Amino acid sequence: MLATIGSVASLLVGLAFLIAGHGLQLTLIPLRATAEGWTPFEIGVIGSAYYVGFVAGCLVAPHVILRAGHIRAFAALVSLCSAVTLLQAIFVAVAPWILFRMLVGATLAGLYMINESWLNDRAANENRGTIMGVYIAVNFAAITVGQLMVGLGSPTSFTLFAVASVAISLAAIPVALTTSAQPAPLAVARLRPKELYAASPVGLVGVTVVGIANGAFWALAAVYAVGEGLDDHQVAIFTGLATVSGAVAQWPIGRISDRIDRRIVLATLLALAACVGLALAFLPIAGGLWIPLAVAFGLVTFPTYSVAAAHAYDFAPAGGHVATAAGLLLANGFGAIIGPILAAALMEATTTAMLFVFTAFAQCGLALFAIARMRTRATLPATEKVDFDLAATAPMGTVIPPEPLDPAHDLVLMPGGATPEAMPPEEPPGPPAASP
């Protein structure tokens, strides 16, 4: 195992720095916006802008990467992401922040794509589970560490934005020096809703509604927590606990769903998530109740995407896993664009605690839909299901199907149309010529 991970260690180290800087911003941005006195709706629009950029990046980034090469594209995107992170501390206003968050989302989509294409290229059938599992673990760990770094300074100071920028910048060093073979195949994101819905209604509707609920959480949880009386450090712990508990629950819940109807697992999780959400909305949490409720919310909420995605893979046509992964990614992204705006409008009209009434409403609606579909379509026998794949069903990253990418697939791009075996390694740019 160590040899397997060692072959992609530089990519994983770069990813850890990148996602730590991103995780810090996930909590820092709404905290700073709240400190500036911006309304929940303005903060919701800023949160939505990130997902607009991410979806756009999934559509455009493959062509940028193929034009510039993996290493050059990674360096350029890291530079842009780092610069925009600092610009957020310089131009503190709603309108520029909407643009900045769109740019951050777009660059992160491209950076995820580059990392994942390399990892997919390095993974064979016998080690893919190990490589991609560690990749997801690094994602969750880094994003949690980033959230907790809010405690290093005040959200109203320049310091935390500088720390986030430094972390993102450091991501370029191990990747620029990697000896991993490049170029690697890239999966293009495409949404074909009719085909995806025909194959798996619960899969498509599920990831979209989960995107609505979870997108609202990521954008506005800090606003809720401040409104409930938590300080900045407690807000970071609140979101970090939810992230960690959700990460821990992914695999065991996914394996349970391999054995029984995934829609039963999904509906159960959604019902529990709605109950925990209502407790967060209506109980006084500032006295310490926020700790177990944050853990419980993460445990039952974040695996819902994984179960819905796994259900979609079960019904994907032969050779259709890449298209399914691409469609699920975009459907979830579109949901995450809508969720923060709707939730923020409700919060502004009522109280910040209504965030979790909003998520509970979305979760109950999806649970009822999953139950209704159980009356319409029989479940697959366990032997006919696709084994739960942690990477392909994790609520982060870009297009990760539950098998290595096939260069012959119409959604997989190779530089110059060549196969991986035919392509020479891409060399990093050499030193500039000496001045006369």
Protein backbone atom coordinates (compact mmCIF):
# COMPACT_ATOMS: atom_id res chain seq x y z
CA MET A 1 0.00 0.00 0.00
CA LEU A 2 2.81 2.44 0.88
CA ALA A 3 4.38 1.95 -2.54
CA THR A 4 1.02 2.60 -4.18
CA ILE A 5 0.45 5.82 -2.26
CA GLY A 6 4.07 6.87 -2.70
CA SER A 7 3.62 6.94 -6.46
CA VAL A 8 1.03 9.72 -6.14
CA ALA A 9 2.25 11.33 -2.90
CA SER A 10 3.20 14.63 -4.52
CA LEU A 11 -0.28 15.00 -6.00
CA LEU A 12 -1.90 14.26 -2.64
CA VAL A 13 0.34 16.73 -0.79
CA GLY A 14 -0.52 19.43 -3.29
CA LEU A 15 -4.18 18.59 -2.94
CA ALA A 16 -3.98 18.83 0.86
CA PHE A 17 -2.60 22.39 0.72
CA LEU A 18 -5.15 23.41 -1.90
CA ILE A 19 -8.19 22.05 -0.06
CA ALA A 20 -6.99 23.39 3.30
CA GLY A 21 -6.97 26.88 1.78
CA HIS A 22 -10.41 26.26 0.30
CA GLY A 23 -11.76 24.88 3.58
CA LEU A 24 -10.58 27.96 5.44
CA GLN A 25 -12.51 30.15 3.01
CA LEU A 26 -15.67 28.06 3.39
CA THR A 27 -15.98 29.30 6.95
CA LEU A 28 -14.11 32.59 6.64
CA ILE A 29 -16.21 34.09 3.82
CA PRO A 30 -19.61 33.92 5.57
CA LEU A 31 -18.05 34.99 8.89
CA ARG A 32 -16.47 38.06 7.33
CA ALA A 33 -19.66 38.84 5.42
CA THR A 34 -21.66 38.62 8.65
CA ALA A 35 -19.17 40.87 10.43
CA GLU A 36 -19.59 43.40 7.62
CA GLY A 37 -23.33 43.47 8.29
CA TRP A 38 -24.36 42.00 4.95
CA THR A 39 -27.82 40.47 4.79
CA PRO A 40 -28.39 36.72 4.67
CA PHE A 41 -29.62 37.07 1.09
CA GLU A 42 -26.41 38.82 0.02
CA ILE A 43 -24.36 36.11 1.71
CA GLY A 44 -26.51 33.45 0.04
CA VAL A 45 -25.88 34.97 -3.39
CA ILE A 46 -22.14 34.98 -2.69
CA GLY A 47 -22.34 31.32 -1.66
CA SER A 48 -24.31 30.49 -4.79
CA ALA A 49 -21.72 32.28 -6.95
CA TYR A 50 -19.08 29.74 -5.92
CA TYR A 51 -21.19 26.91 -7.36
CA VAL A 52 -21.90 28.89 -10.53
CA GLY A 53 -18.16 29.12 -11.02
CA PHE A 54 -17.62 25.46 -10.16
CA VAL A 55 -20.18 24.29 -12.72
CA ALA A 56 -18.71 26.62 -15.35
CA GLY A 57 -15.24 25.35 -14.52
CA CYS A 58 -16.32 21.74 -15.00
CA LEU A 59 -17.49 22.63 -18.51
CA VAL A 60 -14.56 24.81 -19.58
CA ALA A 61 -11.53 23.51 -17.66
CA PRO A 62 -10.89 20.36 -19.73
CA HIS A 63 -10.25 22.46 -22.82
CA VAL A 64 -7.96 24.85 -20.94
CA ILE A 65 -5.99 21.91 -19.53
CA LEU A 66 -5.62 20.25 -22.92
CA ARG A 67 -4.43 23.52 -24.44
CA ALA A 68 -1.83 24.36 -21.80
CA GLY A 69 -0.90 20.95 -20.40
CA HIS A 70 -1.57 19.61 -16.93
CA ILE A 71 1.36 21.19 -15.09
CA ARG A 72 1.09 24.61 -16.73
CA ALA A 73 -2.68 24.66 -16.24
CA PHE A 74 -2.28 23.67 -12.58
CA ALA A 75 0.26 26.44 -11.98
CA ALA A 76 -1.90 29.04 -13.71
CA LEU A 77 -5.07 28.04 -11.86
CA VAL A 78 -3.31 27.96 -8.49
CA SER A 79 -1.90 31.43 -9.15
CA LEU A 80 -5.33 32.78 -10.07
CA CYS A 81 -7.02 31.14 -7.08
CA SER A 82 -4.37 32.45 -4.69
CA ALA A 83 -4.58 35.97 -6.11
CA VAL A 84 -8.37 36.07 -5.96
CA THR A 85 -8.23 34.90 -2.34
CA LEU A 86 -6.17 37.97 -1.47
CA LEU A 87 -8.37 40.26 -3.55
CA GLN A 88 -11.29 39.26 -1.32
CA ALA A 89 -9.50 40.90 1.60
CA ILE A 90 -8.74 44.06 -0.41
CA PHE A 91 -12.10 44.69 -2.07
CA VAL A 92 -14.64 43.94 0.64
CA ALA A 93 -17.99 44.49 -1.02
CA VAL A 94 -20.82 42.28 -2.21
CA ALA A 95 -20.47 42.79 -5.98
CA PRO A 96 -16.73 42.00 -6.26
CA TRP A 97 -17.10 39.07 -3.89
CA ILE A 98 -19.72 37.52 -6.16
CA LEU A 99 -17.18 37.68 -8.99
CA PHE A 100 -14.34 36.47 -6.79
CA ARG A 101 -16.28 33.45 -5.53
CA MET A 102 -17.21 32.53 -9.09
CA LEU A 103 -13.53 32.63 -10.03
CA VAL A 104 -12.54 30.55 -7.00
CA GLY A 105 -15.18 27.96 -7.88
CA ALA A 106 -14.03 27.80 -11.51
CA THR A 107 -10.36 27.44 -10.62
CA LEU A 108 -11.04 24.76 -8.03
CA ALA A 109 -13.04 22.76 -10.57
CA GLY A 110 -10.04 22.79 -12.89
CA LEU A 111 -7.60 21.95 -10.10
CA TYR A 112 -9.74 19.05 -8.91
CA MET A 113 -9.94 17.83 -12.50
CA ILE A 114 -6.17 17.86 -12.98
CA ASN A 115 -5.55 15.94 -9.74
CA GLU A 116 -8.25 13.40 -10.50
CA SER A 117 -7.12 12.83 -14.08
CA TRP A 118 -3.62 12.05 -12.89
CA LEU A 119 -4.88 9.75 -10.14
CA ASN A 120 -7.22 7.94 -12.52
CA ASP A 121 -4.33 7.50 -14.96
CA ARG A 122 -2.11 6.03 -12.25
CA ALA A 123 -4.79 3.74 -10.84
CA ALA A 124 -5.13 0.17 -12.07
CA ASN A 125 -7.92 -2.24 -11.18
CA GLU A 126 -5.90 -3.73 -8.33
CA ASN A 127 -5.01 -0.43 -6.63
CA ARG A 128 -7.71 2.00 -7.73
CA GLY A 129 -9.73 1.58 -4.55
CA THR A 130 -6.69 2.37 -2.40
CA ILE A 131 -5.59 5.42 -4.39
CA MET A 132 -9.01 6.97 -4.76
CA GLY A 133 -9.98 6.14 -1.17
CA VAL A 134 -6.90 7.93 0.14
CA TYR A 135 -7.67 10.81 -2.22
CA ILE A 136 -11.12 11.26 -0.68
CA ALA A 137 -9.71 10.90 2.85
CA VAL A 138 -7.18 13.66 2.13
CA ASN A 139 -10.01 15.84 0.81
CA PHE A 140 -12.10 15.47 3.95
CA ALA A 141 -9.13 15.87 6.31
CA ALA A 142 -7.80 18.95 4.55
CA ILE A 143 -11.14 20.71 4.36
CA THR A 144 -11.67 20.11 8.09
CA VAL A 145 -8.20 21.43 8.96
CA GLY A 146 -8.90 24.47 6.82
CA GLN A 147 -12.16 25.17 8.60
CA LEU A 148 -10.44 24.97 11.98
CA MET A 149 -7.75 27.44 10.85
CA VAL A 150 -10.33 30.20 11.30
CA GLY A 151 -9.12 30.23 14.91
CA LEU A 152 -5.73 31.59 13.79
CA GLY A 153 -7.02 35.14 13.50
CA SER A 154 -9.97 37.45 13.22
CA PRO A 155 -12.25 37.18 10.17
CA THR A 156 -12.07 40.98 9.87
CA SER A 157 -8.29 41.00 9.52
CA PHE A 158 -6.08 40.38 6.48
CA THR A 159 -4.34 37.46 8.21
CA LEU A 160 -6.77 34.63 7.47
CA PHE A 161 -7.06 35.57 3.80
CA ALA A 162 -3.27 35.57 3.61
CA VAL A 163 -3.09 32.14 5.28
CA ALA A 164 -5.61 30.76 2.79
CA SER A 165 -3.65 32.26 -0.11
CA VAL A 166 -0.36 30.84 1.15
CA ALA A 167 -1.86 27.36 1.53
CA ILE A 168 -3.24 27.46 -2.00
CA SER A 169 0.08 28.74 -3.40
CA LEU A 170 2.00 25.93 -1.70
CA ALA A 171 -0.12 23.42 -3.60
CA ALA A 172 1.81 24.25 -6.78
CA ILE A 173 5.19 23.13 -5.45
CA PRO A 174 4.72 19.33 -5.12
CA VAL A 175 2.64 19.18 -8.31
CA ALA A 176 5.15 21.18 -10.37
CA LEU A 177 7.91 18.83 -9.20
CA THR A 178 5.94 15.59 -9.65
CA THR A 179 7.41 12.77 -11.69
CA SER A 180 3.98 11.25 -12.29
CA ALA A 181 3.31 10.64 -15.96
CA GLN A 182 1.37 13.29 -17.83
CA PRO A 183 -0.76 14.01 -19.73
CA ALA A 184 -3.69 12.01 -18.44
CA PRO A 185 -7.27 11.56 -19.68
CA LEU A 186 -9.89 14.14 -18.72
CA ALA A 187 -13.59 13.46 -18.27
CA VAL A 188 -15.84 16.17 -19.69
CA ALA A 189 -18.91 17.14 -17.67
CA ARG A 190 -22.19 16.84 -19.56
CA LEU A 191 -25.74 16.75 -18.22
CA ARG A 192 -28.21 14.62 -20.14
CA PRO A 193 -31.21 14.85 -17.83
CA LYS A 194 -33.65 12.78 -19.89
CA GLU A 195 -31.32 9.81 -20.13
CA LEU A 196 -30.24 10.08 -16.51
CA TYR A 197 -33.81 10.40 -15.23
CA ALA A 198 -34.96 7.49 -17.39
CA ALA A 199 -32.21 5.31 -15.93
CA SER A 200 -32.55 6.44 -12.30
CA PRO A 201 -35.16 9.00 -11.22
CA VAL A 202 -34.09 8.79 -7.58
CA GLY A 203 -30.46 9.20 -8.58
CA LEU A 204 -31.00 12.39 -10.59
CA VAL A 205 -33.61 13.99 -8.34
CA GLY A 206 -31.69 12.83 -5.28
CA VAL A 207 -28.35 14.47 -6.08
CA THR A 208 -30.13 17.65 -7.20
CA VAL A 209 -32.16 18.04 -4.01
CA VAL A 210 -29.17 17.06 -1.88
CA GLY A 211 -27.28 19.83 -3.68
CA ILE A 212 -30.04 22.29 -2.77
CA ALA A 213 -29.95 21.34 0.92
CA ASN A 214 -26.20 20.87 1.33
CA GLY A 215 -25.31 23.89 -0.80
CA ALA A 216 -27.42 25.99 1.55
CA PHE A 217 -25.60 24.47 4.55
CA TRP A 218 -22.10 25.16 3.22
CA ALA A 219 -22.96 28.73 2.26
CA LEU A 220 -24.95 29.73 5.33
CA ALA A 221 -24.11 27.46 8.28
CA ALA A 222 -21.73 30.05 9.70
CA VAL A 223 -24.42 32.72 9.45
CA TYR A 224 -26.80 30.45 11.35
CA ALA A 225 -24.21 29.65 14.02
CA VAL A 226 -23.37 33.31 14.63
CA GLY A 227 -27.08 34.06 14.87
CA GLU A 228 -27.40 31.37 17.54
CA GLY A 229 -24.68 32.98 19.67
CA LEU A 230 -21.59 30.93 18.75
CA ASP A 231 -18.25 32.74 18.50
CA ASP A 232 -15.92 32.45 15.51
CA HIS A 233 -13.94 29.55 16.97
CA GLN A 234 -17.10 27.64 17.82
CA VAL A 235 -18.45 28.24 14.32
CA ALA A 236 -15.33 26.61 12.87
CA ILE A 237 -15.70 23.63 15.18
CA PHE A 238 -19.40 23.37 14.35
CA THR A 239 -18.77 23.08 10.60
CA GLY A 240 -15.67 20.94 11.15
CA LEU A 241 -17.55 18.41 13.29
CA ALA A 242 -20.27 18.13 10.66
CA THR A 243 -17.63 17.53 7.97
CA VAL A 244 -15.69 14.91 9.95
CA SER A 245 -18.75 12.96 11.03
CA GLY A 246 -20.10 13.00 7.48
CA ALA A 247 -16.77 11.69 6.19
CA VAL A 248 -16.68 8.88 8.74
CA ALA A 249 -20.21 7.79 7.85
CA GLN A 250 -19.69 7.58 4.07
CA TRP A 251 -18.20 4.09 3.85
CA PRO A 252 -20.29 2.13 6.41
CA ILE A 253 -23.56 3.62 5.17
CA GLY A 254 -22.53 2.96 1.58
CA ARG A 255 -21.79 -0.67 2.39
CA ILE A 256 -25.15 -1.03 4.14
CA SER A 257 -26.84 0.28 1.01
CA ASP A 258 -25.09 -2.45 -0.99
CA ARG A 259 -27.13 -5.02 0.92
CA ILE A 260 -30.61 -3.49 0.99
CA ASP A 261 -32.64 -1.16 -1.20
CA ARG A 262 -30.60 2.05 -1.38
CA ARG A 263 -33.83 4.06 -1.44
CA ILE A 264 -34.70 2.75 2.03
CA VAL A 265 -31.29 3.86 3.27
CA LEU A 266 -31.67 7.23 1.55
CA ALA A 267 -35.17 7.89 2.90
CA THR A 268 -34.10 6.89 6.41
CA LEU A 269 -31.09 9.20 6.34
CA LEU A 270 -33.20 12.05 5.01
CA ALA A 271 -35.85 11.61 7.71
CA LEU A 272 -33.18 11.60 10.41
CA ALA A 273 -31.46 14.62 8.86
CA ALA A 274 -34.75 16.53 8.85
CA CYS A 275 -35.27 15.72 12.53
CA VAL A 276 -31.77 16.88 13.46
CA GLY A 277 -32.24 19.99 11.34
CA LEU A 278 -35.45 20.89 13.13
CA ALA A 279 -33.67 20.42 16.45
CA LEU A 280 -30.97 22.83 15.27
CA ALA A 281 -33.67 25.29 14.22
CA PHE A 282 -35.79 25.28 17.35
CA LEU A 283 -33.61 24.25 20.29
CA PRO A 284 -31.22 26.62 22.11
CA ILE A 285 -27.84 25.29 21.02
CA ALA A 286 -25.41 27.88 22.42
CA GLY A 287 -25.07 26.09 25.76
CA GLY A 288 -23.21 23.17 24.19
CA LEU A 289 -26.01 21.32 22.44
CA TRP A 290 -24.49 22.43 19.14
CA ILE A 291 -21.69 19.85 19.50
CA PRO A 292 -23.74 16.61 19.41
CA LEU A 293 -26.19 18.14 16.93
CA ALA A 294 -23.36 19.08 14.55
CA VAL A 295 -22.03 15.52 14.72
CA ALA A 296 -25.49 14.03 14.22
CA PHE A 297 -26.26 16.35 11.31
CA GLY A 298 -23.06 15.40 9.49
CA LEU A 299 -23.58 11.69 10.12
CA VAL A 300 -27.01 11.56 8.49
CA THR A 301 -26.82 14.40 5.97
CA PHE A 302 -23.62 14.18 3.97
CA PRO A 303 -23.89 10.46 3.07
CA THR A 304 -27.21 11.17 1.31
CA TYR A 305 -25.36 12.26 -1.84
CA SER A 306 -23.30 9.07 -1.78
CA VAL A 307 -26.34 6.81 -1.52
CA ALA A 308 -28.25 8.65 -4.25
CA ALA A 309 -25.21 8.53 -6.54
CA ALA A 310 -24.64 4.82 -5.87
CA HIS A 311 -28.29 4.18 -6.75
CA ALA A 312 -27.77 5.97 -10.07
CA TYR A 313 -24.72 3.82 -10.86
CA ASP A 314 -26.76 0.68 -10.20
CA PHE A 315 -29.03 1.52 -13.10
CA ALA A 316 -26.46 3.04 -15.46
CA PRO A 317 -26.41 1.36 -18.88
CA ALA A 318 -23.40 -0.65 -19.95
CA GLY A 319 -20.49 1.71 -20.51
CA GLY A 320 -22.51 4.57 -19.03
CA HIS A 321 -20.71 5.18 -15.73
CA VAL A 322 -18.70 8.14 -17.03
CA ALA A 323 -21.82 9.83 -18.40
CA THR A 324 -23.63 9.10 -15.13
CA ALA A 325 -20.79 10.58 -13.06
CA ALA A 326 -20.73 13.69 -15.25
CA GLY A 327 -24.48 14.14 -15.07
CA LEU A 328 -24.61 13.67 -11.29
CA LEU A 329 -21.86 16.25 -10.82
CA LEU A 330 -23.67 18.93 -12.80
CA ALA A 331 -27.10 18.13 -11.35
CA ASN A 332 -25.69 18.46 -7.84
CA GLY A 333 -23.96 21.69 -8.84
CA PHE A 334 -27.15 23.21 -10.22
CA GLY A 335 -28.93 22.29 -6.99
CA ALA A 336 -26.16 23.92 -4.96
CA ILE A 337 -26.58 27.12 -6.98
CA ILE A 338 -30.28 27.30 -6.13
CA GLY A 339 -30.14 26.23 -2.47
CA PRO A 340 -28.21 29.13 -0.90
CA ILE A 341 -30.40 31.74 -2.59
CA LEU A 342 -33.68 30.13 -1.54
CA ALA A 343 -32.51 29.46 2.01
CA ALA A 344 -31.08 32.96 2.37
CA ALA A 345 -34.34 34.53 1.23
CA LEU A 346 -36.19 32.54 3.90
CA MET A 347 -33.63 33.46 6.56
CA GLU A 348 -33.84 37.14 5.70
CA ALA A 349 -37.64 37.10 5.86
CA THR A 350 -37.68 35.24 9.20
CA THR A 351 -34.63 34.28 11.30
CA THR A 352 -31.26 32.69 10.61
CA ALA A 353 -32.46 29.50 12.34
CA MET A 354 -34.78 28.90 9.39
CA LEU A 355 -31.79 27.59 7.45
CA PHE A 356 -32.44 24.17 8.95
CA VAL A 357 -36.18 24.39 8.38
CA PHE A 358 -35.30 24.89 4.72
CA THR A 359 -32.95 21.88 4.64
CA ALA A 360 -35.52 19.76 6.49
CA PHE A 361 -38.21 20.68 3.97
CA ALA A 362 -35.97 19.69 1.05
CA GLN A 363 -34.96 16.44 2.76
CA CYS A 364 -38.54 15.45 3.57
CA GLY A 365 -39.59 16.11 0.00
CA LEU A 366 -36.83 13.90 -1.35
CA ALA A 367 -37.61 11.16 1.18
CA LEU A 368 -41.23 11.09 0.04
CA PHE A 369 -40.12 10.91 -3.58
CA ALA A 370 -37.81 7.97 -2.85
CA ILE A 371 -40.60 6.15 -1.00
CA ALA A 372 -43.00 6.77 -3.90
CA ARG A 373 -40.47 5.35 -6.36
CA MET A 374 -40.20 2.18 -4.27
CA ARG A 375 -43.84 1.52 -5.10
CA THR A 376 -43.12 1.96 -8.81
CA ARG A 377 -39.85 0.11 -9.33
CA ALA A 378 -38.48 -2.97 -7.61
CA THR A 379 -35.03 -2.88 -6.13
CA LEU A 380 -32.12 -4.68 -7.73
CA PRO A 381 -30.80 -7.87 -6.14
CA ALA A 382 -27.58 -7.24 -4.24
CA THR A 383 -25.66 -9.33 -6.77
CA GLU A 384 -26.64 -6.95 -9.60
CA LYS A 385 -25.66 -3.75 -7.83
CA VAL A 386 -22.43 -1.86 -8.44
CA ASP A 387 -20.30 -2.17 -5.30
CA PHE A 388 -20.24 1.08 -3.35
CA ASP A 389 -17.31 3.20 -4.53
CA LEU A 390 -16.19 5.86 -2.07
CA ALA A 391 -14.52 8.11 -4.65
CA ALA A 392 -17.28 7.97 -7.25
CA THR A 393 -19.96 8.83 -4.69
CA ALA A 394 -18.14 11.39 -2.52
CA PRO A 395 -19.75 14.85 -2.47
CA MET A 396 -16.61 16.58 -3.74
CA GLY A 397 -14.36 16.62 -6.75
CA THR A 398 -15.39 16.41 -10.38
CA VAL A 399 -16.14 13.50 -12.72
CA ILE A 400 -15.04 10.31 -10.93
CA PRO A 401 -16.73 7.15 -12.28
CA PRO A 402 -16.48 3.85 -10.38
CA GLU A 403 -13.81 2.54 -12.75
CA PRO A 404 -10.70 3.86 -14.54
CA LEU A 405 -11.44 6.25 -17.40
CA ASP A 406 -11.71 4.67 -20.84
CA PRO A 407 -9.93 6.86 -23.44
CA ALA A 408 -12.36 5.60 -26.09
CA HIS A 409 -15.41 7.05 -24.28
CA ASP A 410 -17.01 10.07 -25.93
CA LEU A 411 -16.80 12.07 -22.69
CA VAL A 412 -13.11 11.32 -22.13
CA LEU A 413 -10.57 13.62 -23.78
CA MET A 414 -6.94 12.82 -24.46
CA PRO A 415 -4.37 15.41 -25.59
CA GLY A 416 -4.20 15.24 -29.37
CA GLY A 417 -6.64 12.34 -29.34
CA ALA A 418 -3.83 9.97 -28.31
CA THR A 419 -4.04 7.12 -25.85
CA PRO A 420 -2.02 7.30 -22.61
CA GLU A 421 0.47 4.72 -23.88
CA ALA A 422 1.21 6.76 -26.99
CA MET A 423 1.87 10.03 -25.21
CA PRO A 424 5.32 10.99 -23.94
CA PRO A 425 5.57 12.49 -20.47
CA GLU A 426 4.86 16.20 -20.37
CA GLU A 427 7.90 18.16 -19.27
CA PRO A 428 7.63 21.13 -16.95
CA PRO A 429 8.76 24.42 -18.49
CA GLY A 430 12.52 24.89 -18.45
CA PRO A 431 14.49 27.90 -17.18
CA PRO A 432 14.29 31.12 -19.20
CA ALA A 433 17.02 31.86 -21.67
CA ALA A 434 19.89 33.96 -20.40
CA SER A 435 19.63 37.66 -21.16
CA PRO A 436 22.16 38.98 -23.67
